[in-house]
C-alpha atoms as a PDB file:
ATOM      1  CA  MET A   1     -24.858  12.880  -0.080  1.00  0.00           C
ATOM      2  CA  SER A   2     -22.803  12.998  -3.272  1.00  0.00           C
ATOM      3  CA  TYR A   3     -20.036  10.415  -3.755  1.00  0.00           C
ATOM      4  CA  LEU A   4     -17.065  10.964  -6.033  1.00  0.00           C
ATOM      5  CA  PHE A   5     -16.447   7.233  -6.642  1.00  0.00           C
ATOM      6  CA  ALA A   6     -19.023   4.543  -7.351  1.00  0.00           C
ATOM      7  CA  ASP A   7     -16.694   1.818  -6.059  1.00  0.00           C
ATOM      8  CA  ARG A   8     -13.008   0.883  -5.969  1.00  0.00           C
ATOM      9  CA  ALA A   9     -12.883  -0.008  -9.668  1.00  0.00           C
ATOM     10  CA  ASP A  10     -14.288   3.404 -10.567  1.00  0.00           C
ATOM     11  CA  ALA A  11     -11.802   5.032  -8.193  1.00  0.00           C
ATOM     12  CA  GLY A  12      -8.943   3.139  -9.843  1.00  0.00           C
ATOM     13  CA  GLN A  13      -9.965   4.315 -13.301  1.00  0.00           C
ATOM     14  CA  LEU A  14     -10.140   7.934 -12.170  1.00  0.00           C
ATOM     15  CA  LEU A  15      -6.815   7.548 -10.373  1.00  0.00           C
ATOM     16  CA  ALA A  16      -5.203   6.224 -13.560  1.00  0.00           C
ATOM     17  CA  GLU A  17      -6.522   9.277 -15.413  1.00  0.00           C
ATOM     18  CA  ARG A  18      -5.037  11.576 -12.764  1.00  0.00           C
ATOM     19  CA  ILE A  19      -1.663   9.807 -12.957  1.00  0.00           C
ATOM     20  CA  ARG A  20      -1.672  10.170 -16.741  1.00  0.00           C
ATOM     21  CA  ALA A  21      -2.625  13.851 -16.493  1.00  0.00           C
ATOM     22  CA  THR A  22       0.190  14.579 -14.031  1.00  0.00           C
ATOM     23  CA  GLY A  23       3.050  12.961 -15.931  1.00  0.00           C
ATOM     24  CA  GLY A  24       2.185   9.286 -16.253  1.00  0.00           C
ATOM     25  CA  LEU A  25       4.414   6.497 -14.992  1.00  0.00           C
ATOM     26  CA  LEU A  26       8.173   6.620 -15.218  1.00  0.00           C
ATOM     27  CA  PRO A  27       9.148   4.638 -18.339  1.00  0.00           C
ATOM     28  CA  GLY A  28      10.986   1.357 -18.270  1.00  0.00           C
ATOM     29  CA  SER A  29      11.869  -0.768 -21.233  1.00  0.00           C
ATOM     30  CA  SER A  30      14.898  -2.904 -20.467  1.00  0.00           C
ATOM     31  CA  ALA A  31      16.357  -5.300 -17.927  1.00  0.00           C
ATOM     32  CA  GLU A  32      18.249  -2.329 -16.463  1.00  0.00           C
ATOM     33  CA  GLN A  33      15.069  -0.250 -16.290  1.00  0.00           C
ATOM     34  CA  PRO A  34      12.092  -2.592 -15.918  1.00  0.00           C
ATOM     35  CA  LEU A  35       8.488  -1.474 -16.220  1.00  0.00           C
ATOM     36  CA  PRO A  36       7.064   0.312 -13.173  1.00  0.00           C
ATOM     37  CA  LEU A  37       5.390  -2.104 -10.771  1.00  0.00           C
ATOM     38  CA  ILE A  38       1.889  -1.347  -9.489  1.00  0.00           C
ATOM     39  CA  VAL A  39       1.456  -2.618  -5.925  1.00  0.00           C
ATOM     40  CA  GLY A  40      -1.924  -2.688  -4.192  1.00  0.00           C
ATOM     41  CA  LEU A  41      -2.069  -2.646  -0.409  1.00  0.00           C
ATOM     42  CA  ALA A  42      -4.222  -5.541   0.733  1.00  0.00           C
ATOM     43  CA  ARG A  43      -7.035  -5.782   0.673  1.00  0.00           C
ATOM     44  CA  GLY A  44      -8.852  -2.631  -0.373  1.00  0.00           C
ATOM     45  CA  GLY A  45      -6.045  -1.227  -2.473  1.00  0.00           C
ATOM     46  CA  VAL A  46      -5.826  -4.180  -4.838  1.00  0.00           C
ATOM     47  CA  PRO A  47      -9.024  -3.545  -6.899  1.00  0.00           C
ATOM     48  CA  VAL A  48      -7.915   0.087  -7.265  1.00  0.00           C
ATOM     49  CA  ALA A  49      -4.404  -0.956  -8.272  1.00  0.00           C
ATOM     50  CA  ARG A  50      -5.742  -3.416 -10.845  1.00  0.00           C
ATOM     51  CA  GLU A  51      -7.401  -0.576 -12.760  1.00  0.00           C
ATOM     52  CA  VAL A  52      -4.176   1.438 -12.702  1.00  0.00           C
ATOM     53  CA  ALA A  53      -2.160  -1.564 -13.895  1.00  0.00           C
ATOM     54  CA  GLU A  54      -4.619  -2.197 -16.731  1.00  0.00           C
ATOM     55  CA  ALA A  55      -4.603   1.450 -17.799  1.00  0.00           C
ATOM     56  CA  PHE A  56      -0.818   1.448 -18.156  1.00  0.00           C
ATOM     57  CA  ASP A  57      -0.373  -2.227 -19.130  1.00  0.00           C
ATOM     58  CA  ALA A  58       1.924  -2.594 -16.121  1.00  0.00           C
ATOM     59  CA  PRO A  59       2.561  -5.568 -13.818  1.00  0.00           C
ATOM     60  CA  LEU A  60       0.528  -5.850 -10.613  1.00  0.00           C
ATOM     61  CA  ASP A  61       1.440  -7.237  -7.202  1.00  0.00           C
ATOM     62  CA  VAL A  62       0.141  -7.111  -3.638  1.00  0.00           C
ATOM     63  CA  LEU A  63       1.640  -5.958  -0.345  1.00  0.00           C
ATOM     64  CA  VAL A  64       0.410  -6.972   3.098  1.00  0.00           C
ATOM     65  CA  VAL A  65       1.295  -4.724   6.042  1.00  0.00           C
ATOM     66  CA  ARG A  66       0.988  -6.365   9.462  1.00  0.00           C
ATOM     67  CA  LYS A  67       0.846  -4.425  12.714  1.00  0.00           C
ATOM     68  CA  LEU A  68       3.065  -5.536  15.611  1.00  0.00           C
ATOM     69  CA  GLY A  69       0.535  -5.401  18.431  1.00  0.00           C
ATOM     70  CA  ALA A  70       1.606  -5.286  22.067  1.00  0.00           C
ATOM     71  CA  PRO A  71       1.042  -8.412  24.215  1.00  0.00           C
ATOM     72  CA  GLY A  72      -2.407  -8.183  25.780  1.00  0.00           C
ATOM     73  CA  GLN A  73      -3.048  -4.947  23.850  1.00  0.00           C
ATOM     74  CA  PRO A  74      -3.142  -6.038  20.199  1.00  0.00           C
ATOM     75  CA  GLU A  75      -4.665  -2.718  19.122  1.00  0.00           C
ATOM     76  CA  TYR A  76      -1.570  -0.879  20.458  1.00  0.00           C
ATOM     77  CA  ALA A  77       0.967  -0.862  17.630  1.00  0.00           C
ATOM     78  CA  MET A  78       4.634  -1.207  18.549  1.00  0.00           C
ATOM     79  CA  GLY A  79       5.559  -1.183  14.885  1.00  0.00           C
ATOM     80  CA  ALA A  80       4.785  -3.028  11.682  1.00  0.00           C
ATOM     81  CA  ILE A  81       6.214  -5.440   9.132  1.00  0.00           C
ATOM     82  CA  ALA A  82       5.939  -5.390   5.340  1.00  0.00           C
ATOM     83  CA  ALA A  83       7.940  -6.884   2.470  1.00  0.00           C
ATOM     84  CA  GLY A  84      10.143  -8.656   5.007  1.00  0.00           C
ATOM     85  CA  GLN A  85      11.171  -5.343   6.582  1.00  0.00           C
ATOM     86  CA  VAL A  86      10.534  -4.782  10.299  1.00  0.00           C
ATOM     87  CA  PHE A  87       9.906  -1.335  11.761  1.00  0.00           C
ATOM     88  CA  VAL A  88       9.636  -0.856  15.529  1.00  0.00           C
ATOM     89  CA  ALA A  89       8.589   2.477  17.039  1.00  0.00           C
ATOM     90  CA  ASP A  90      11.649   3.658  18.968  1.00  0.00           C
ATOM     91  CA  ASP A  91      11.337   2.756  22.657  1.00  0.00           C
ATOM     92  CA  VAL A  92       7.688   1.639  22.647  1.00  0.00           C
ATOM     93  CA  PRO A  93       8.433  -2.050  23.466  1.00  0.00           C
ATOM     94  CA  ARG A  94      10.667  -0.997  26.378  1.00  0.00           C
ATOM     95  CA  ARG A  95       8.035   1.382  27.770  1.00  0.00           C
ATOM     96  CA  LEU A  96       5.462  -1.413  27.574  1.00  0.00           C
ATOM     97  CA  GLY A  97       7.796  -3.868  29.279  1.00  0.00           C
ATOM     98  CA  VAL A  98       8.057  -6.092  26.197  1.00  0.00           C
ATOM     99  CA  SER A  99      11.211  -8.201  26.220  1.00  0.00           C
ATOM    100  CA  ASP A 100      13.401  -8.803  23.177  1.00  0.00           C
ATOM    101  CA  ARG A 101      12.224 -12.420  23.153  1.00  0.00           C
ATOM    102  CA  GLN A 102       8.556 -11.403  23.198  1.00  0.00           C
ATOM    103  CA  LEU A 103       9.137  -8.882  20.422  1.00  0.00           C
ATOM    104  CA  HIS A 104      10.959 -11.487  18.341  1.00  0.00           C
ATOM    105  CA  GLU A 105       8.068 -13.936  18.758  1.00  0.00           C
ATOM    106  CA  ILE A 106       5.546 -11.271  17.719  1.00  0.00           C
ATOM    107  CA  VAL A 107       7.617 -10.362  14.661  1.00  0.00           C
ATOM    108  CA  MET A 108       7.936 -14.018  13.633  1.00  0.00           C
ATOM    109  CA  ARG A 109       4.200 -14.626  14.071  1.00  0.00           C
ATOM    110  CA  GLU A 110       3.136 -11.552  12.119  1.00  0.00           C
ATOM    111  CA  ASP A 111       5.664 -12.191   9.370  1.00  0.00           C
ATOM    112  CA  ALA A 112       4.376 -15.748   8.991  1.00  0.00           C
ATOM    113  CA  LEU A 113       0.824 -14.381   8.676  1.00  0.00           C
ATOM    114  CA  ARG A 114       2.030 -11.796   6.149  1.00  0.00           C
ATOM    115  CA  ILE A 115       3.661 -14.476   4.014  1.00  0.00           C
ATOM    116  CA  GLU A 116       0.591 -16.718   4.328  1.00  0.00           C
ATOM    117  CA  ARG A 117      -1.732 -13.930   3.134  1.00  0.00           C
ATOM    118  CA  GLU A 118       0.483 -12.873   0.249  1.00  0.00           C
ATOM    119  CA  THR A 119       0.957 -16.491  -0.842  1.00  0.00           C
ATOM    120  CA  LYS A 120      -2.810 -17.031  -0.773  1.00  0.00           C
ATOM    121  CA  TYR A 121      -3.414 -13.907  -2.838  1.00  0.00           C
ATOM    122  CA  ARG A 122      -0.741 -14.690  -5.428  1.00  0.00           C
ATOM    123  CA  GLN A 123      -1.666 -18.378  -5.717  1.00  0.00           C
ATOM    124  CA  GLU A 124       1.088 -19.930  -7.869  1.00  0.00           C
ATOM    125  CA  ARG A 125       2.651 -16.618  -8.889  1.00  0.00           C
ATOM    126  CA  GLN A 126       6.028 -15.555  -7.583  1.00  0.00           C
ATOM    127  CA  PRO A 127       6.336 -12.082  -6.032  1.00  0.00           C
ATOM    128  CA  TYR A 128       7.997  -9.374  -8.078  1.00  0.00           C
ATOM    129  CA  SER A 129      11.321  -7.991  -6.884  1.00  0.00           C
ATOM    130  CA  PHE A 130      11.325  -4.341  -5.825  1.00  0.00           C
ATOM    131  CA  ASP A 131      15.073  -4.062  -6.353  1.00  0.00           C
ATOM    132  CA  GLY A 132      15.914  -1.393  -8.920  1.00  0.00           C
ATOM    133  CA  ARG A 133      12.281  -0.887  -9.823  1.00  0.00           C
ATOM    134  CA  PHE A 134      10.001   2.158  -9.779  1.00  0.00           C
ATOM    135  CA  VAL A 135       7.078   1.140  -7.554  1.00  0.00           C
ATOM    136  CA  VAL A 136       3.610   2.692  -7.506  1.00  0.00           C
ATOM    137  CA  LEU A 137       1.963   2.055  -4.128  1.00  0.00           C
ATOM    138  CA  VAL A 138      -1.829   2.137  -4.373  1.00  0.00           C
ATOM    139  CA  ASP A 139      -4.486   2.000  -1.671  1.00  0.00           C
ATOM    140  CA  ASP A 140      -8.199   2.815  -1.693  1.00  0.00           C
ATOM    141  CA  GLY A 141      -7.416   5.905   0.348  1.00  0.00           C
ATOM    142  CA  ILE A 142      -5.304   7.361   3.127  1.00  0.00           C
ATOM    143  CA  ALA A 143      -6.601   8.382   6.541  1.00  0.00           C
ATOM    144  CA  THR A 144      -3.655   8.781   8.939  1.00  0.00           C
ATOM    145  CA  GLY A 145      -1.088   7.548   6.432  1.00  0.00           C
ATOM    146  CA  ALA A 146       0.532   5.137   8.893  1.00  0.00           C
ATOM    147  CA  THR A 147       0.033   1.997   6.787  1.00  0.00           C
ATOM    148  CA  MET A 148       1.201   3.676   3.599  1.00  0.00           C
ATOM    149  CA  ALA A 149       4.263   5.077   5.386  1.00  0.00           C
ATOM    150  CA  VAL A 150       5.293   1.577   6.470  1.00  0.00           C
ATOM    151  CA  ALA A 151       4.705   0.248   2.956  1.00  0.00           C
ATOM    152  CA  ALA A 152       6.849   2.993   1.432  1.00  0.00           C
ATOM    153  CA  ARG A 153       9.693   2.469   3.899  1.00  0.00           C
ATOM    154  CA  ALA A 154       9.595  -1.281   3.341  1.00  0.00           C
ATOM    155  CA  VAL A 155       9.634  -1.007  -0.445  1.00  0.00           C
ATOM    156  CA  ARG A 156      12.501   1.497  -0.344  1.00  0.00           C
ATOM    157  CA  ALA A 157      14.451  -0.728   2.056  1.00  0.00           C
ATOM    158  CA  ALA A 158      13.869  -3.635  -0.339  1.00  0.00           C
ATOM    159  CA  GLY A 159      15.726  -1.717  -3.049  1.00  0.00           C
ATOM    160  CA  ALA A 160      13.086   0.213  -4.998  1.00  0.00           C
ATOM    161  CA  ALA A 161      14.648   2.796  -7.301  1.00  0.00           C
ATOM    162  CA  GLY A 162      11.693   5.148  -6.904  1.00  0.00           C
ATOM    163  CA  ILE A 163       8.286   5.334  -5.266  1.00  0.00           C
ATOM    164  CA  MET A 164       4.991   6.930  -6.227  1.00  0.00           C
ATOM    165  CA  ILE A 165       2.099   6.984  -3.774  1.00  0.00           C
ATOM    166  CA  ALA A 166      -1.229   6.997  -5.608  1.00  0.00           C
ATOM    167  CA  VAL A 167      -4.621   7.029  -3.879  1.00  0.00           C
ATOM    168  CA  PRO A 168      -8.148   8.084  -4.809  1.00  0.00           C
ATOM    169  CA  THR A 169      -8.682  10.126  -1.634  1.00  0.00           C
ATOM    170  CA  ALA A 170      -6.636  11.483   1.270  1.00  0.00           C
ATOM    171  CA  PRO A 171      -6.408  14.436   3.662  1.00  0.00           C
ATOM    172  CA  ARG A 172      -4.178  17.299   2.553  1.00  0.00           C
ATOM    173  CA  ASP A 173      -1.852  17.096   5.560  1.00  0.00           C
ATOM    174  CA  ALA A 174      -1.062  13.420   4.910  1.00  0.00           C
ATOM    175  CA  LEU A 175      -0.319  14.124   1.252  1.00  0.00           C
ATOM    176  CA  ARG A 176       1.934  17.003   2.281  1.00  0.00           C
ATOM    177  CA  ARG A 177       3.926  14.749   4.634  1.00  0.00           C
ATOM    178  CA  PHE A 178       4.513  12.232   1.858  1.00  0.00           C
ATOM    179  CA  ALA A 179       5.392  14.964  -0.638  1.00  0.00           C
ATOM    180  CA  ASP A 180       8.015  16.281   1.812  1.00  0.00           C
ATOM    181  CA  ASP A 181       9.525  12.820   2.329  1.00  0.00           C
ATOM    182  CA  PRO A 182      12.795  12.564   0.355  1.00  0.00           C
ATOM    183  CA  ASP A 183      12.193   8.829  -0.130  1.00  0.00           C
ATOM    184  CA  ILE A 184       8.927   9.484  -2.019  1.00  0.00           C
ATOM    185  CA  ASP A 185       9.280  10.644  -5.618  1.00  0.00           C
ATOM    186  CA  ARG A 186       5.662  11.482  -6.424  1.00  0.00           C
ATOM    187  CA  VAL A 187       2.299  11.700  -4.703  1.00  0.00           C
ATOM    188  CA  VAL A 188      -0.951  11.551  -6.683  1.00  0.00           C
ATOM    189  CA  ALA A 189      -4.519  11.821  -5.381  1.00  0.00           C
ATOM    190  CA  VAL A 190      -7.891  12.458  -6.997  1.00  0.00           C
ATOM    191  CA  ASP A 191     -10.033  13.690  -4.107  1.00  0.00           C
ATOM    192  CA  VAL A 192      -8.626  15.860  -1.306  1.00  0.00           C
ATOM    193  CA  PRO A 193     -11.720  16.800   0.711  1.00  0.00           C
ATOM    194  CA  GLU A 194     -11.640  19.581   3.276  1.00  0.00           C
ATOM    195  CA  PRO A 195     -12.422  18.845   5.963  1.00  0.00           C
ATOM    196  CA  PHE A 196     -11.465  15.176   5.639  1.00  0.00           C
ATOM    197  CA  SER A 197     -13.707  12.751   7.542  1.00  0.00           C
ATOM    198  CA  ALA A 198     -13.033   9.192   6.374  1.00  0.00           C
ATOM    199  CA  VAL A 199     -11.937   7.330   3.253  1.00  0.00           C
ATOM    200  CA  GLY A 200     -15.322   5.660   2.875  1.00  0.00           C
ATOM    201  CA  PHE A 201     -17.123   8.993   2.581  1.00  0.00           C
ATOM    202  CA  SER A 202     -15.780   9.338  -0.985  1.00  0.00           C
ATOM    203  CA  TYR A 203     -17.356   6.022  -2.092  1.00  0.00           C
ATOM    204  CA  ARG A 204     -20.919   4.932  -2.745  1.00  0.00           C
ATOM    205  CA  ASP A 205     -19.883   1.273  -2.325  1.00  0.00           C
ATOM    206  CA  PHE A 206     -17.093   0.821   0.217  1.00  0.00           C
ATOM    207  CA  GLY A 207     -17.773  -2.722   1.375  1.00  0.00           C
ATOM    208  CA  GLN A 208     -14.975  -4.984   2.534  1.00  0.00           C
ATOM    209  CA  VAL A 209     -12.976  -6.658  -0.224  1.00  0.00           C
ATOM    210  CA  PRO A 210     -13.134 -10.479   0.071  1.00  0.00           C
ATOM    211  CA  ASP A 211      -9.934 -12.492  -0.261  1.00  0.00           C
ATOM    212  CA  ASP A 212     -11.322 -14.126  -3.409  1.00  0.00           C
ATOM    213  CA  ASP A 213     -11.614 -10.717  -5.063  1.00  0.00           C
ATOM    214  CA  VAL A 214      -7.954  -9.981  -4.321  1.00  0.00           C
ATOM    215  CA  VAL A 215      -6.981 -13.335  -5.836  1.00  0.00           C
ATOM    216  CA  SER A 216      -9.098 -12.593  -8.909  1.00  0.00           C
ATOM    217  CA  CYS A 217      -7.545  -9.142  -9.388  1.00  0.00           C
ATOM    218  CA  LEU A 218      -4.033 -10.562  -9.339  1.00  0.00           C
ATOM    219  CA  ARG A 219      -4.928 -13.540 -11.517  1.00  0.00           C
ATOM    220  CA  ASP A 220      -6.470 -11.272 -14.157  1.00  0.00           C
ATOM    221  CA  ARG A 221      -3.214  -9.347 -14.466  1.00  0.00           C
END
């Protein structure tokens, strides 16, 4: 089997080349128009995002997306939370018999875990503000696009002036949905296999990314 990417670092370098070849990053050079912010989705997106940030000498941050699992059915997502923004899927809690109090407790628990993870990854660094900034959301790939969709909505709700979604690999239909979204300014991908099977099929090394590696990526930038 032939792999397009050796590992996430290799994928990030090729992604940076594709971004440059398709228009680069939107410029920013003042307090009114700060530099674009590269944001890696934890955990696998951070090593990819680091390579993009290095290629463009841009700041790097991390975003943790937490699923709001149903009571007794944690794999059943009622919604998600990211960047302090909560998204609940229409009437799913009501259909599952989840009370407002239960939902509130789940949101508070998952948000606390989100903050804990992001604080651990950043160490002593403060998070960057999304407000008024062009944000490049990077992951190691897209399968369904659900996590990236939550991330994009959260970043836009937090005040981002523009959003680019940049991934090494993704299915064509997911990329098309993002391209058609008026809240997304640009979508960039390197590998769009047909048929699409799984993100990991594009990588020779697609092992889990340890927390320490995420910390190291952010510290190095």
